[in-house]
Structure formats: C-alpha cells, structure tokens
Amino acid sequence: MKTRLRLQCLSLAGLGLALGTLTGCQTWVGGMTLPSGHYLQHPPQYFAPSPAFPLSNELATMEAEEGGAVGGPGAQLPPPAVAPAQAPPPVPVPLPAAGPGR
C-alpha cells in the first residue's frame, strides 16, 4: 500500500515538473528571472507615438464651444498690467555709541 502511494506521489511530482518545464513560462535560475525561449517567435508590436499635447481632442472641443476666440486670428490681447509703485527703502536709525562708562 505504501509503495503504491509513494509511486503515485512521485509520478504526480514528475508530471508537475515536466509540465512546468515545458509550458514556456518565466524561470528563476541563479537569482535571475529569465524569459522563456519563445519570446523571439512573436512579432514586435507597434505603438504609435503620442502627440505633444495629449488632450488635443478636448482642446479642439473647448475652442469650438467658445467660437474659436482662443488664439484665433482676430483675438485681442489684454492690456499690459501696471506694476505698483515701490515704497522707498527704510532709513537706518543710528545706534548710540558705546562709551567707556557702560
């Protein structure tokens, strides 16, 4: 009975090891996680480059809702801001001289 159970456990462990080896998943060898040998068989994927401004559709919609006034050819610039006048610098107060009696 023990021999049969031991044989079943060993065959199940061997089957699991064989399936784990043949599936082509990542393997951990000597502290490194290595890809399977099948990664060279897959064609490379192409990802289109991203636009410089990622919200171009939203910007176009907002400009269309405003009537194209933002940055359009007839857009008026706001008047230049006037800087406030600066206060005069504070006048230093002279300190009394320390004499020999102090």
Protein backbone atom coordinates (compact mmCIF):
# COMPACT_ATOMS: atom_id res chain seq x y z
CA MET A 1 0.00 0.00 0.00
CA LYS A 2 2.77 2.41 0.96
CA THR A 3 4.71 1.57 -2.17
CA ARG A 4 1.75 2.29 -4.42
CA LEU A 5 1.02 5.63 -2.70
CA ARG A 6 4.70 6.59 -2.90
CA LEU A 7 4.76 5.70 -6.60
CA GLN A 8 1.65 7.82 -7.27
CA CYS A 9 3.11 10.81 -5.44
CA LEU A 10 6.41 10.55 -7.31
CA SER A 11 4.68 10.21 -10.68
CA LEU A 12 2.45 13.21 -9.90
CA ALA A 13 5.50 15.25 -8.88
CA GLY A 14 7.32 14.20 -12.07
CA LEU A 15 4.32 15.12 -14.19
CA GLY A 16 4.09 18.53 -12.50
CA LEU A 17 7.80 19.14 -13.04
CA ALA A 18 7.55 18.14 -16.70
CA LEU A 19 4.54 20.38 -17.30
CA GLY A 20 6.23 23.29 -15.52
CA THR A 21 9.34 22.86 -17.64
CA LEU A 22 7.52 22.56 -20.97
CA THR A 23 5.00 25.39 -20.61
CA GLY A 24 7.46 28.14 -21.53
CA CYS A 25 6.78 30.41 -18.58
CA GLN A 26 9.39 32.52 -16.86
CA THR A 27 12.02 30.60 -14.98
CA TRP A 28 14.07 31.57 -11.98
CA VAL A 29 17.69 30.46 -12.33
CA GLY A 30 20.53 31.52 -10.06
CA GLY A 31 18.83 34.69 -8.80
CA MET A 32 17.72 35.83 -12.26
CA THR A 33 14.24 35.79 -13.72
CA LEU A 34 14.67 34.76 -17.33
CA PRO A 35 12.09 34.87 -20.13
CA SER A 36 11.09 31.75 -21.94
CA GLY A 37 12.78 30.77 -25.18
CA HIS A 38 9.61 31.52 -27.15
CA TYR A 39 9.78 35.32 -26.92
CA LEU A 40 11.74 35.53 -30.19
CA GLN A 41 8.92 33.84 -32.10
CA HIS A 42 6.44 36.66 -31.50
CA PRO A 43 6.36 39.61 -33.95
CA PRO A 44 7.16 43.03 -32.48
CA GLN A 45 4.25 45.31 -31.68
CA TYR A 46 3.97 48.86 -32.99
CA PHE A 47 2.87 51.67 -30.71
CA ALA A 48 2.12 54.97 -32.44
CA PRO A 49 3.98 57.94 -30.93
CA SER A 50 1.98 60.08 -28.54
CA PRO A 51 1.06 63.62 -29.57
CA ALA A 52 2.94 66.52 -27.96
CA PHE A 53 -0.25 67.71 -26.24
CA PRO A 54 -2.19 64.65 -25.06
CA LEU A 55 -5.55 66.43 -24.76
CA SER A 56 -5.80 67.71 -28.33
CA ASN A 57 -9.40 66.46 -28.81
CA GLU A 58 -10.55 68.17 -25.62
CA LEU A 59 -8.77 71.40 -26.59
CA ALA A 60 -10.40 71.40 -30.04
CA THR A 61 -13.83 70.85 -28.48
CA MET A 62 -13.36 73.67 -25.96
CA GLU A 63 -12.17 76.04 -28.69
CA ALA A 64 -15.15 75.13 -30.89
CA GLU A 65 -17.57 75.79 -28.00
CA GLU A 66 -16.04 79.22 -27.40
CA GLY A 67 -16.36 80.12 -31.07
CA GLY A 68 -12.66 79.85 -31.83
CA ALA A 69 -11.85 83.02 -29.87
CA VAL A 70 -8.92 81.40 -28.11
CA GLY A 71 -5.84 82.08 -30.19
CA GLY A 72 -7.82 82.92 -33.32
CA PRO A 73 -6.61 85.46 -35.89
CA GLY A 74 -8.79 88.28 -34.51
CA ALA A 75 -8.08 87.62 -30.83
CA GLN A 76 -7.44 90.69 -28.67
CA LEU A 77 -4.69 90.65 -26.09
CA PRO A 78 -5.46 92.02 -22.63
CA PRO A 79 -3.88 95.40 -21.75
CA PRO A 80 -0.49 95.18 -20.04
CA ALA A 81 -0.57 95.13 -16.27
CA VAL A 82 0.79 98.20 -14.49
CA ALA A 83 3.34 97.46 -11.79
CA PRO A 84 2.57 99.09 -8.41
CA ALA A 85 4.91 101.85 -7.23
CA GLN A 86 7.62 100.69 -4.86
CA ALA A 87 7.84 102.09 -1.35
CA PRO A 88 11.05 103.99 -0.52
CA PRO A 89 13.68 101.95 1.30
CA PRO A 90 13.66 102.30 5.10
CA VAL A 91 16.05 104.81 6.63
CA PRO A 92 18.55 103.23 9.06
CA VAL A 93 18.41 104.58 12.61
CA PRO A 94 21.86 105.36 14.09
CA LEU A 95 22.65 103.45 17.28
CA PRO A 96 24.12 105.32 20.26
CA ALA A 97 27.86 104.92 20.60
CA ALA A 98 29.01 102.75 23.47
CA GLY A 99 31.12 104.81 25.80
CA PRO A 100 33.74 103.83 28.39
CA GLY A 101 31.21 104.17 31.24
CA ARG A 102 28.93 101.47 30.11
